[in-house]
Structures are given as structure tokens and as C-alpha cells.
Amino acid sequence: MPHKTAQSTRPVVRAVVAVLLIAPFVIYLAVPSYAKIKPRLAGFPFFYWWQLLWVILTAVFIGIAYALTRSGGGRTPARDQADEKGE
């Protein structure tokens, strides 16, 4: 059984993955929207805690995008070849 590739995923999933991967860059490039001091959080100016929040969110977004692009329940080409050989 041939394994699915990124090209064979559903268009909706691909669109969601694209948004998840592009959104952090758009946020990072919109510096004037978060170049402020107030509101402060635990003594940190808005600029710093907003960037830290987006570093964490970016990791979450990339993780979700990765999970959405994994196909076949963890299937890999090596596993598919082993199954074809009957191993």
C-alpha cells in the first residue's frame, strides 16, 4: 500500500496548516501593534511578554501543523515496505 504524501492531503487541512505556519510571522512583523509598554504583566512591559507568548504559541502552532500533516496513523515508507514484504 503506497503511503500518503503531503500532496495528497485534503485541501482544507493544507489551508489550516498554511495559516498555522504563516500566522506567527505576520504577528512578528506587525511590530507597531505591540511596541508598547503598557499593560505590564508581572512587571514586564507588553512588548516583552507579547513576544514570549508568541514564541510559545508558535511552538504550539508548529506542533499542530505537524500533527495534521502526519498521515496514515504514523505510517512511514519503511513500515509500508515491511508490510509489503510480510515482516
PDB file of N, CA and C in Angstrom:
ATOM      1  N   MET A   1       0.853  -1.163   0.000  1.00  0.00           N
ATOM      2  CA  MET A   1       0.000   0.000   0.000  1.00  0.00           C
ATOM      3  C   MET A   1       0.910   1.241   0.000  1.00  0.00           C
ATOM      4  N   PRO A   2       0.751   2.105  -0.984  1.00  0.00           N
ATOM      5  CA  PRO A   2       1.601   3.309  -1.018  1.00  0.00           C
ATOM      6  C   PRO A   2       1.216   4.272   0.095  1.00  0.00           C
ATOM      7  N   HIS A   3       2.223   4.950   0.615  1.00  0.00           N
ATOM      8  CA  HIS A   3       1.949   5.904   1.694  1.00  0.00           C
ATOM      9  C   HIS A   3       1.475   7.228   1.117  1.00  0.00           C
ATOM     10  N   LYS A   4       0.725   7.950   1.918  1.00  0.00           N
ATOM     11  CA  LYS A   4       0.239   9.264   1.507  1.00  0.00           C
ATOM     12  C   LYS A   4       1.363  10.276   1.607  1.00  0.00           C
ATOM     13  N   THR A   5       1.369  11.209   0.705  1.00  0.00           N
ATOM     14  CA  THR A   5       2.347  12.286   0.754  1.00  0.00           C
ATOM     15  C   THR A   5       1.646  13.572   1.138  1.00  0.00           C
ATOM     16  N   ALA A   6       2.425  14.622   1.369  1.00  0.00           N
ATOM     17  CA  ALA A   6       1.838  15.915   1.727  1.00  0.00           C
ATOM     18  C   ALA A   6       0.943  16.426   0.603  1.00  0.00           C
ATOM     19  N   GLN A   7       1.240  16.032  -0.628  1.00  0.00           N
ATOM     20  CA  GLN A   7       0.438  16.486  -1.765  1.00  0.00           C
ATOM     21  C   GLN A   7      -0.954  15.858  -1.770  1.00  0.00           C
ATOM     22  N   SER A   8      -1.103  14.694  -1.143  1.00  0.00           N
ATOM     23  CA  SER A   8      -2.388  14.009  -1.197  1.00  0.00           C
ATOM     24  C   SER A   8      -3.300  14.333  -0.015  1.00  0.00           C
ATOM     25  N   THR A   9      -2.884  15.256   0.854  1.00  0.00           N
ATOM     26  CA  THR A   9      -3.748  15.602   1.978  1.00  0.00           C
ATOM     27  C   THR A   9      -4.897  16.469   1.494  1.00  0.00           C
ATOM     28  N   ARG A  10      -5.921  16.518   2.282  1.00  0.00           N
ATOM     29  CA  ARG A  10      -7.104  17.287   1.906  1.00  0.00           C
ATOM     30  C   ARG A  10      -6.783  18.774   1.834  1.00  0.00           C
ATOM     31  N   PRO A  11      -7.426  19.489   0.918  1.00  0.00           N
ATOM     32  CA  PRO A  11      -7.161  20.932   0.770  1.00  0.00           C
ATOM     33  C   PRO A  11      -7.477  21.737   2.032  1.00  0.00           C
ATOM     34  N   VAL A  12      -8.490  21.336   2.772  1.00  0.00           N
ATOM     35  CA  VAL A  12      -8.845  22.063   3.995  1.00  0.00           C
ATOM     36  C   VAL A  12      -7.727  21.933   5.024  1.00  0.00           C
ATOM     37  N   VAL A  13      -7.182  20.736   5.156  1.00  0.00           N
ATOM     38  CA  VAL A  13      -6.089  20.516   6.101  1.00  0.00           C
ATOM     39  C   VAL A  13      -4.868  21.321   5.681  1.00  0.00           C
ATOM     40  N   ARG A  14      -4.585  21.318   4.398  1.00  0.00           N
ATOM     41  CA  ARG A  14      -3.442  22.088   3.893  1.00  0.00           C
ATOM     42  C   ARG A  14      -3.630  23.578   4.159  1.00  0.00           C
ATOM     43  N   ALA A  15      -4.849  24.093   4.010  1.00  0.00           N
ATOM     44  CA  ALA A  15      -5.116  25.508   4.267  1.00  0.00           C
ATOM     45  C   ALA A  15      -4.932  25.831   5.752  1.00  0.00           C
ATOM     46  N   VAL A  16      -5.409  24.944   6.617  1.00  0.00           N
ATOM     47  CA  VAL A  16      -5.255  25.152   8.056  1.00  0.00           C
ATOM     48  C   VAL A  16      -3.779  25.135   8.439  1.00  0.00           C
ATOM     49  N   VAL A  17      -3.023  24.201   7.886  1.00  0.00           N
ATOM     50  CA  VAL A  17      -1.588  24.121   8.162  1.00  0.00           C
ATOM     51  C   VAL A  17      -0.894  25.392   7.686  1.00  0.00           C
ATOM     52  N   ALA A  18      -1.260  25.870   6.510  1.00  0.00           N
ATOM     53  CA  ALA A  18      -0.654  27.104   5.987  1.00  0.00           C
ATOM     54  C   ALA A  18      -0.930  28.289   6.906  1.00  0.00           C
ATOM     55  N   VAL A  19      -2.147  28.409   7.394  1.00  0.00           N
ATOM     56  CA  VAL A  19      -2.486  29.502   8.306  1.00  0.00           C
ATOM     57  C   VAL A  19      -1.701  29.372   9.608  1.00  0.00           C
ATOM     58  N   LEU A  20      -1.608  28.149  10.124  1.00  0.00           N
ATOM     59  CA  LEU A  20      -0.862  27.936  11.373  1.00  0.00           C
ATOM     60  C   LEU A  20       0.611  28.292  11.229  1.00  0.00           C
ATOM     61  N   LEU A  21       1.180  28.071  10.069  1.00  0.00           N
ATOM     62  CA  LEU A  21       2.596  28.358   9.871  1.00  0.00           C
ATOM     63  C   LEU A  21       2.865  29.810   9.495  1.00  0.00           C
ATOM     64  N   ILE A  22       1.905  30.469   8.874  1.00  0.00           N
ATOM     65  CA  ILE A  22       2.096  31.857   8.442  1.00  0.00           C
ATOM     66  C   ILE A  22       1.721  32.855   9.539  1.00  0.00           C
ATOM     67  N   ALA A  23       0.735  32.527  10.360  1.00  0.00           N
ATOM     68  CA  ALA A  23       0.238  33.466  11.377  1.00  0.00           C
ATOM     69  C   ALA A  23       1.333  34.022  12.292  1.00  0.00           C
ATOM     70  N   PRO A  24       2.232  33.203  12.826  1.00  0.00           N
ATOM     71  CA  PRO A  24       3.272  33.778  13.700  1.00  0.00           C
ATOM     72  C   PRO A  24       4.146  34.816  12.994  1.00  0.00           C
ATOM     73  N   PHE A  25       4.469  34.579  11.742  1.00  0.00           N
ATOM     74  CA  PHE A  25       5.304  35.537  11.023  1.00  0.00           C
ATOM     75  C   PHE A  25       4.590  36.863  10.830  1.00  0.00           C
ATOM     76  N   VAL A  26       3.299  36.805  10.545  1.00  0.00           N
ATOM     77  CA  VAL A  26       2.522  38.036  10.395  1.00  0.00           C
ATOM     78  C   VAL A  26       2.511  38.798  11.716  1.00  0.00           C
ATOM     79  N   ILE A  27       2.307  38.089  12.804  1.00  0.00           N
ATOM     80  CA  ILE A  27       2.300  38.724  14.120  1.00  0.00           C
ATOM     81  C   ILE A  27       3.658  39.332  14.436  1.00  0.00           C
ATOM     82  N   TYR A  28       4.737  38.558  14.183  1.00  0.00           N
ATOM     83  CA  TYR A  28       6.084  39.068  14.475  1.00  0.00           C
ATOM     84  C   TYR A  28       6.409  40.309  13.660  1.00  0.00           C
ATOM     85  N   LEU A  29       5.920  40.383  12.433  1.00  0.00           N
ATOM     86  CA  LEU A  29       6.230  41.524  11.564  1.00  0.00           C
ATOM     87  C   LEU A  29       5.368  42.747  11.850  1.00  0.00           C
ATOM     88  N   ALA A  30       4.307  42.601  12.613  1.00  0.00           N
ATOM     89  CA  ALA A  30       3.422  43.712  12.942  1.00  0.00           C
ATOM     90  C   ALA A  30       3.902  44.415  14.211  1.00  0.00           C
ATOM     91  N   VAL A  31       5.170  44.807  14.236  1.00  0.00           N
ATOM     92  CA  VAL A  31       5.779  45.390  15.436  1.00  0.00           C
ATOM     93  C   VAL A  31       5.031  46.607  15.971  1.00  0.00           C
ATOM     94  N   PRO A  32       4.584  47.541  15.130  1.00  0.00           N
ATOM     95  CA  PRO A  32       3.888  48.714  15.693  1.00  0.00           C
ATOM     96  C   PRO A  32       2.653  48.360  16.523  1.00  0.00           C
ATOM     97  N   SER A  33       2.054  47.203  16.260  1.00  0.00           N
ATOM     98  CA  SER A  33       0.857  46.834  17.020  1.00  0.00           C
ATOM     99  C   SER A  33       1.180  46.408  18.452  1.00  0.00           C
ATOM    100  N   TYR A  34       2.417  45.989  18.717  1.00  0.00           N
ATOM    101  CA  TYR A  34       2.757  45.568  20.072  1.00  0.00           C
ATOM    102  C   TYR A  34       3.971  46.290  20.649  1.00  0.00           C
ATOM    103  N   ALA A  35       4.406  47.351  20.016  1.00  0.00           N
ATOM    104  CA  ALA A  35       5.547  48.120  20.529  1.00  0.00           C
ATOM    105  C   ALA A  35       5.052  49.124  21.564  1.00  0.00           C
ATOM    106  N   LYS A  36       4.645  48.623  22.714  1.00  0.00           N
ATOM    107  CA  LYS A  36       4.123  49.457  23.796  1.00  0.00           C
ATOM    108  C   LYS A  36       4.688  48.986  25.128  1.00  0.00           C
ATOM    109  N   ILE A  37       4.518  49.788  26.111  1.00  0.00           N
ATOM    110  CA  ILE A  37       4.979  49.438  27.449  1.00  0.00           C
ATOM    111  C   ILE A  37       3.840  48.875  28.287  1.00  0.00           C
ATOM    112  N   LYS A  38       2.672  49.458  28.171  1.00  0.00           N
ATOM    113  CA  LYS A  38       1.527  49.023  28.968  1.00  0.00           C
ATOM    114  C   LYS A  38       0.585  48.217  28.102  1.00  0.00           C
ATOM    115  N   PRO A  39      -0.087  47.243  28.616  1.00  0.00           N
ATOM    116  CA  PRO A  39      -0.157  46.799  30.003  1.00  0.00           C
ATOM    117  C   PRO A  39       1.050  45.947  30.385  1.00  0.00           C
ATOM    118  N   ARG A  40       1.406  46.010  31.640  1.00  0.00           N
ATOM    119  CA  ARG A  40       2.517  45.215  32.162  1.00  0.00           C
ATOM    120  C   ARG A  40       1.965  43.910  32.731  1.00  0.00           C
ATOM    121  N   LEU A  41       2.785  42.888  32.660  1.00  0.00           N
ATOM    122  CA  LEU A  41       2.424  41.597  33.217  1.00  0.00           C
ATOM    123  C   LEU A  41       3.607  41.128  34.049  1.00  0.00           C
ATOM    124  N   ALA A  42       3.411  41.028  35.346  1.00  0.00           N
ATOM    125  CA  ALA A  42       4.469  40.641  36.291  1.00  0.00           C
ATOM    126  C   ALA A  42       5.677  41.563  36.175  1.00  0.00           C
ATOM    127  N   GLY A  43       5.431  42.818  35.905  1.00  0.00           N
ATOM    128  CA  GLY A  43       6.498  43.798  35.816  1.00  0.00           C
ATOM    129  C   GLY A  43       7.141  43.919  34.446  1.00  0.00           C
ATOM    130  N   PHE A  44       6.791  43.016  33.530  1.00  0.00           N
ATOM    131  CA  PHE A  44       7.364  43.060  32.183  1.00  0.00           C
ATOM    132  C   PHE A  44       6.508  43.940  31.281  1.00  0.00           C
ATOM    133  N   PRO A  45       7.144  44.806  30.488  1.00  0.00           N
ATOM    134  CA  PRO A  45       6.381  45.604  29.521  1.00  0.00           C
ATOM    135  C   PRO A  45       5.690  44.697  28.497  1.00  0.00           C
ATOM    136  N   PHE A  46       4.626  45.219  27.948  1.00  0.00           N
ATOM    137  CA  PHE A  46       3.818  44.478  26.971  1.00  0.00           C
ATOM    138  C   PHE A  46       4.679  43.890  25.866  1.00  0.00           C
ATOM    139  N   PHE A  47       5.603  44.656  25.325  1.00  0.00           N
ATOM    140  CA  PHE A  47       6.444  44.227  24.214  1.00  0.00           C
ATOM    141  C   PHE A  47       7.109  42.882  24.501  1.00  0.00           C
ATOM    142  N   TYR A  48       7.666  42.724  25.697  1.00  0.00           N
ATOM    143  CA  TYR A  48       8.408  41.512  26.019  1.00  0.00           C
ATOM    144  C   TYR A  48       7.505  40.312  26.265  1.00  0.00           C
ATOM    145  N   TRP A  49       6.451  40.506  27.049  1.00  0.00           N
ATOM    146  CA  TRP A  49       5.626  39.341  27.329  1.00  0.00           C
ATOM    147  C   TRP A  49       4.805  38.932  26.116  1.00  0.00           C
ATOM    148  N   TRP A  50       4.478  39.865  25.230  1.00  0.00           N
ATOM    149  CA  TRP A  50       3.757  39.533  24.000  1.00  0.00           C
ATOM    150  C   TRP A  50       4.640  38.674  23.084  1.00  0.00           C
ATOM    151  N   GLN A  51       5.913  39.065  22.973  1.00  0.00           N
ATOM    152  CA  GLN A  51       6.824  38.267  22.154  1.00  0.00           C
ATOM    153  C   GLN A  51       7.037  36.878  22.758  1.00  0.00           C
ATOM    154  N   LEU A  52       7.204  36.783  24.050  1.00  0.00           N
ATOM    155  CA  LEU A  52       7.373  35.486  24.697  1.00  0.00           C
ATOM    156  C   LEU A  52       6.130  34.622  24.510  1.00  0.00           C
ATOM    157  N   LEU A  53       4.967  35.212  24.637  1.00  0.00           N
ATOM    158  CA  LEU A  53       3.728  34.478  24.406  1.00  0.00           C
ATOM    159  C   LEU A  53       3.710  33.900  22.993  1.00  0.00           C
ATOM    160  N   TRP A  54       4.133  34.693  21.999  1.00  0.00           N
ATOM    161  CA  TRP A  54       4.112  34.218  20.619  1.00  0.00           C
ATOM    162  C   TRP A  54       5.196  33.197  20.319  1.00  0.00           C
ATOM    163  N   VAL A  55       6.275  33.208  21.060  1.00  0.00           N
ATOM    164  CA  VAL A  55       7.267  32.141  20.902  1.00  0.00           C
ATOM    165  C   VAL A  55       6.635  30.812  21.316  1.00  0.00           C
ATOM    166  N   ILE A  56       5.920  30.827  22.419  1.00  0.00           N
ATOM    167  CA  ILE A  56       5.242  29.614  22.901  1.00  0.00           C
ATOM    168  C   ILE A  56       4.130  29.201  21.943  1.00  0.00           C
ATOM    169  N   LEU A  57       3.323  30.176  21.504  1.00  0.00           N
ATOM    170  CA  LEU A  57       2.240  29.874  20.570  1.00  0.00           C
ATOM    171  C   LEU A  57       2.767  29.349  19.236  1.00  0.00           C
ATOM    172  N   THR A  58       3.898  29.874  18.797  1.00  0.00           N
ATOM    173  CA  THR A  58       4.489  29.395  17.552  1.00  0.00           C
ATOM    174  C   THR A  58       4.855  27.920  17.674  1.00  0.00           C
ATOM    175  N   ALA A  59       5.421  27.533  18.792  1.00  0.00           N
ATOM    176  CA  ALA A  59       5.751  26.123  19.003  1.00  0.00           C
ATOM    177  C   ALA A  59       4.484  25.261  18.992  1.00  0.00           C
ATOM    178  N   VAL A  60       3.433  25.752  19.605  1.00  0.00           N
ATOM    179  CA  VAL A  60       2.162  25.023  19.612  1.00  0.00           C
ATOM    180  C   VAL A  60       1.602  24.918  18.193  1.00  0.00           C
ATOM    181  N   PHE A  61       1.623  26.024  17.447  1.00  0.00           N
ATOM    182  CA  PHE A  61       1.114  26.025  16.070  1.00  0.00           C
ATOM    183  C   PHE A  61       1.894  25.050  15.194  1.00  0.00           C
ATOM    184  N   ILE A  62       3.217  25.028  15.326  1.00  0.00           N
ATOM    185  CA  ILE A  62       4.033  24.119  14.529  1.00  0.00           C
ATOM    186  C   ILE A  62       3.734  22.670  14.917  1.00  0.00           C
ATOM    187  N   GLY A  63       3.536  22.422  16.196  1.00  0.00           N
ATOM    188  CA  GLY A  63       3.172  21.076  16.636  1.00  0.00           C
ATOM    189  C   GLY A  63       1.844  20.621  16.063  1.00  0.00           C
ATOM    190  N   ILE A  64       0.870  21.518  16.059  1.00  0.00           N
ATOM    191  CA  ILE A  64      -0.444  21.179  15.487  1.00  0.00           C
ATOM    192  C   ILE A  64      -0.315  20.952  13.990  1.00  0.00           C
ATOM    193  N   ALA A  65       0.436  21.798  13.300  1.00  0.00           N
ATOM    194  CA  ALA A  65       0.633  21.634  11.864  1.00  0.00           C
ATOM    195  C   ALA A  65       1.303  20.299  11.562  1.00  0.00           C
ATOM    196  N   TYR A  66       2.280  19.927  12.365  1.00  0.00           N
ATOM    197  CA  TYR A  66       2.957  18.641  12.196  1.00  0.00           C
ATOM    198  C   TYR A  66       1.966  17.490  12.385  1.00  0.00           C
ATOM    199  N   ALA A  67       1.164  17.569  13.429  1.00  0.00           N
ATOM    200  CA  ALA A  67       0.192  16.503  13.699  1.00  0.00           C
ATOM    201  C   ALA A  67      -0.824  16.383  12.566  1.00  0.00           C
ATOM    202  N   LEU A  68      -1.231  17.511  11.997  1.00  0.00           N
ATOM    203  CA  LEU A  68      -2.199  17.480  10.900  1.00  0.00           C
ATOM    204  C   LEU A  68      -1.603  16.901   9.622  1.00  0.00           C
ATOM    205  N   THR A  69      -0.309  17.069   9.438  1.00  0.00           N
ATOM    206  CA  THR A  69       0.302  16.574   8.204  1.00  0.00           C
ATOM    207  C   THR A  69       0.753  15.125   8.307  1.00  0.00           C
ATOM    208  N   ARG A  70       0.804  14.584   9.549  1.00  0.00           N
ATOM    209  CA  ARG A  70       1.127  13.167   9.686  1.00  0.00           C
ATOM    210  C   ARG A  70      -0.032  12.365   9.122  1.00  0.00           C
ATOM    211  N   SER A  71       0.248  11.459   8.236  1.00  0.00           N
ATOM    212  CA  SER A  71      -0.845  10.707   7.622  1.00  0.00           C
ATOM    213  C   SER A  71      -0.684   9.221   7.902  1.00  0.00           C
ATOM    214  N   GLY A  72      -1.765   8.514   7.820  1.00  0.00           N
ATOM    215  CA  GLY A  72      -1.747   7.067   7.957  1.00  0.00           C
ATOM    216  C   GLY A  72      -1.486   6.560   9.351  1.00  0.00           C
ATOM    217  N   GLY A  73      -1.742   7.358  10.371  1.00  0.00           N
ATOM    218  CA  GLY A  73      -1.571   6.896  11.731  1.00  0.00           C
ATOM    219  C   GLY A  73      -0.133   6.556  12.075  1.00  0.00           C
ATOM    220  N   GLY A  74       0.785   7.401  11.627  1.00  0.00           N
ATOM    221  CA  GLY A  74       2.182   7.162  11.939  1.00  0.00           C
ATOM    222  C   GLY A  74       2.882   6.262  10.935  1.00  0.00           C
ATOM    223  N   ARG A  75       2.283   6.052   9.786  1.00  0.00           N
ATOM    224  CA  ARG A  75       2.890   5.216   8.763  1.00  0.00           C
ATOM    225  C   ARG A  75       4.113   5.907   8.183  1.00  0.00           C
ATOM    226  N   THR A  76       5.110   5.130   7.889  1.00  0.00           N
ATOM    227  CA  THR A  76       6.313   5.641   7.237  1.00  0.00           C
ATOM    228  C   THR A  76       6.600   4.762   6.027  1.00  0.00           C
ATOM    229  N   PRO A  77       7.384   5.255   5.071  1.00  0.00           N
ATOM    230  CA  PRO A  77       7.715   4.409   3.924  1.00  0.00           C
ATOM    231  C   PRO A  77       8.388   3.103   4.333  1.00  0.00           C
ATOM    232  N   ALA A  78       9.225   3.119   5.378  1.00  0.00           N
ATOM    233  CA  ALA A  78       9.887   1.896   5.832  1.00  0.00           C
ATOM    234  C   ALA A  78       8.870   0.891   6.364  1.00  0.00           C
ATOM    235  N   ARG A  79       7.884   1.380   7.116  1.00  0.00           N
ATOM    236  CA  ARG A  79       6.841   0.474   7.636  1.00  0.00           C
ATOM    237  C   ARG A  79       6.018  -0.097   6.488  1.00  0.00           C
ATOM    238  N   ASP A  80       5.703   0.744   5.489  1.00  0.00           N
ATOM    239  CA  ASP A  80       4.923   0.257   4.356  1.00  0.00           C
ATOM    240  C   ASP A  80       5.676  -0.821   3.604  1.00  0.00           C
ATOM    241  N   GLN A  81       7.000  -0.667   3.421  1.00  0.00           N
ATOM    242  CA  GLN A  81       7.788  -1.670   2.737  1.00  0.00           C
ATOM    243  C   GLN A  81       7.839  -2.957   3.545  1.00  0.00           C
ATOM    244  N   ALA A  82       7.958  -2.839   4.855  1.00  0.00           N
ATOM    245  CA  ALA A  82       7.982  -4.026   5.718  1.00  0.00           C
ATOM    246  C   ALA A  82       6.649  -4.768   5.636  1.00  0.00           C
ATOM    247  N   ASP A  83       5.540  -4.038   5.593  1.00  0.00           N
ATOM    248  CA  ASP A  83       4.233  -4.670   5.482  1.00  0.00           C
ATOM    249  C   ASP A  83       4.076  -5.385   4.146  1.00  0.00           C
ATOM    250  N   GLU A  84       4.608  -4.788   3.070  1.00  0.00           N
ATOM    251  CA  GLU A  84       4.504  -5.401   1.763  1.00  0.00           C
ATOM    252  C   GLU A  84       5.297  -6.698   1.697  1.00  0.00           C
ATOM    253  N   LYS A  85       6.420  -6.750   2.414  1.00  0.00           N
ATOM    254  CA  LYS A  85       7.257  -7.937   2.433  1.00  0.00           C
ATOM    255  C   LYS A  85       6.726  -8.993   3.400  1.00  0.00           C
ATOM    256  N   GLY A  86       5.755  -8.610   4.229  1.00  0.00           N
ATOM    257  CA  GLY A  86       5.179  -9.531   5.188  1.00  0.00           C
ATOM    258  C   GLY A  86       5.965  -9.641   6.484  1.00  0.00           C
ATOM    259  N   GLU A  87       6.775  -8.656   6.804  1.00  0.00           N
ATOM    260  CA  GLU A  87       7.582  -8.676   8.021  1.00  0.00           C
ATOM    261  C   GLU A  87       6.815  -8.162   9.200  1.00  0.00           C
TER     262      GLU A  87
END
